[in-house]
Amino acid sequence: MKIEIRKYQLIERVMTLNENQLEKLESFLAQESGTELSVSLDRALQQVKEGKVTPHTQVRKKYEKWL
């Protein structure tokens, strides 16, 4: 199914929501767009690009006695 059709179908469904359902959808979308997870992942990927990471083998060796 083409994306345009899917978008129109979604719009049609949104148009049938009552006040409470619309508020729930708005709340969900607000949470999804500004999640801390997204920010954390972006920061982690930047650290990888900058070489600010420790190889798994090195970390495992350091904590071996507790594993």
C-alpha atoms as a PDB file:
ATOM      1  CA  MET A   1       0.000   0.000   0.000  1.00  0.00           C
ATOM      2  CA  LYS A   2       1.339   3.409  -0.920  1.00  0.00           C
ATOM      3  CA  ILE A   3       2.297   5.757   1.872  1.00  0.00           C
ATOM      4  CA  GLU A   4      -0.155   8.420   0.663  1.00  0.00           C
ATOM      5  CA  ILE A   5      -3.066   6.012   1.027  1.00  0.00           C
ATOM      6  CA  ARG A   6      -1.919   4.976   4.487  1.00  0.00           C
ATOM      7  CA  LYS A   7      -1.671   8.633   5.544  1.00  0.00           C
ATOM      8  CA  TYR A   8      -5.198   9.385   4.332  1.00  0.00           C
ATOM      9  CA  GLN A   9      -6.524   6.310   6.125  1.00  0.00           C
ATOM     10  CA  LEU A  10      -4.840   7.480   9.306  1.00  0.00           C
ATOM     11  CA  ILE A  11      -6.310  10.966   8.898  1.00  0.00           C
ATOM     12  CA  GLU A  12      -9.762   9.428   8.447  1.00  0.00           C
ATOM     13  CA  ARG A  13      -9.343   7.467  11.677  1.00  0.00           C
ATOM     14  CA  VAL A  14      -8.161  10.562  13.567  1.00  0.00           C
ATOM     15  CA  MET A  15     -11.206  12.475  12.321  1.00  0.00           C
ATOM     16  CA  THR A  16     -13.483   9.944  14.064  1.00  0.00           C
ATOM     17  CA  LEU A  17     -11.823  10.225  17.503  1.00  0.00           C
ATOM     18  CA  ASN A  18     -13.679  11.703  20.422  1.00  0.00           C
ATOM     19  CA  GLU A  19     -12.133  14.348  22.714  1.00  0.00           C
ATOM     20  CA  ASN A  20     -10.641  11.832  25.155  1.00  0.00           C
ATOM     21  CA  GLN A  21      -9.159   9.634  22.434  1.00  0.00           C
ATOM     22  CA  LEU A  22      -7.655  12.664  20.695  1.00  0.00           C
ATOM     23  CA  GLU A  23      -6.027  13.831  23.938  1.00  0.00           C
ATOM     24  CA  LYS A  24      -4.508  10.388  24.442  1.00  0.00           C
ATOM     25  CA  LEU A  25      -3.154  10.390  20.889  1.00  0.00           C
ATOM     26  CA  GLU A  26      -1.701  13.882  21.306  1.00  0.00           C
ATOM     27  CA  SER A  27      -0.053  12.867  24.563  1.00  0.00           C
ATOM     28  CA  PHE A  28       1.428   9.757  22.972  1.00  0.00           C
ATOM     29  CA  LEU A  29       2.795  11.685  20.001  1.00  0.00           C
ATOM     30  CA  ALA A  30       4.320  14.334  22.262  1.00  0.00           C
ATOM     31  CA  GLN A  31       6.121  11.658  24.280  1.00  0.00           C
ATOM     32  CA  GLU A  32       7.366   9.865  21.189  1.00  0.00           C
ATOM     33  CA  SER A  33       8.784  12.951  19.535  1.00  0.00           C
ATOM     34  CA  GLY A  34      10.826  14.101  22.523  1.00  0.00           C
ATOM     35  CA  THR A  35      11.916  10.909  24.199  1.00  0.00           C
ATOM     36  CA  GLU A  36      15.007  10.793  26.327  1.00  0.00           C
ATOM     37  CA  LEU A  37      15.916   7.553  24.593  1.00  0.00           C
ATOM     38  CA  SER A  38      16.312   9.330  21.292  1.00  0.00           C
ATOM     39  CA  VAL A  39      18.568  11.958  22.866  1.00  0.00           C
ATOM     40  CA  SER A  40      20.629   9.290  24.626  1.00  0.00           C
ATOM     41  CA  LEU A  41      21.065   7.282  21.443  1.00  0.00           C
ATOM     42  CA  ASP A  42      22.160  10.351  19.504  1.00  0.00           C
ATOM     43  CA  ARG A  43      24.710  11.164  22.217  1.00  0.00           C
ATOM     44  CA  ALA A  44      25.990   7.576  22.237  1.00  0.00           C
ATOM     45  CA  LEU A  45      26.386   7.511  18.469  1.00  0.00           C
ATOM     46  CA  GLN A  46      28.311  10.775  18.612  1.00  0.00           C
ATOM     47  CA  GLN A  47      30.627   9.294  21.259  1.00  0.00           C
ATOM     48  CA  VAL A  48      31.258   6.301  19.002  1.00  0.00           C
ATOM     49  CA  LYS A  49      32.108   8.598  16.088  1.00  0.00           C
ATOM     50  CA  GLU A  50      34.525  10.510  18.334  1.00  0.00           C
ATOM     51  CA  GLY A  51      36.177   7.299  19.536  1.00  0.00           C
ATOM     52  CA  LYS A  52      35.103   7.855  23.142  1.00  0.00           C
ATOM     53  CA  VAL A  53      34.234   4.214  23.725  1.00  0.00           C
ATOM     54  CA  THR A  54      35.857   1.248  25.447  1.00  0.00           C
ATOM     55  CA  PRO A  55      35.912  -2.110  23.637  1.00  0.00           C
ATOM     56  CA  HIS A  56      33.734  -4.820  25.142  1.00  0.00           C
ATOM     57  CA  THR A  57      36.709  -7.122  25.662  1.00  0.00           C
ATOM     58  CA  GLN A  58      38.498  -4.490  27.712  1.00  0.00           C
ATOM     59  CA  VAL A  59      35.469  -3.859  29.929  1.00  0.00           C
ATOM     60  CA  ARG A  60      34.872  -7.586  30.357  1.00  0.00           C
ATOM     61  CA  LYS A  61      38.502  -8.109  31.433  1.00  0.00           C
ATOM     62  CA  LYS A  62      38.233  -5.300  33.995  1.00  0.00           C
ATOM     63  CA  TYR A  63      35.076  -6.736  35.592  1.00  0.00           C
ATOM     64  CA  GLU A  64      35.846 -10.418  35.054  1.00  0.00           C
ATOM     65  CA  LYS A  65      36.041 -11.210  38.766  1.00  0.00           C
ATOM     66  CA  TRP A  66      32.386 -10.168  39.227  1.00  0.00           C
ATOM     67  CA  LEU A  67      31.037 -12.056  36.193  1.00  0.00           C
END
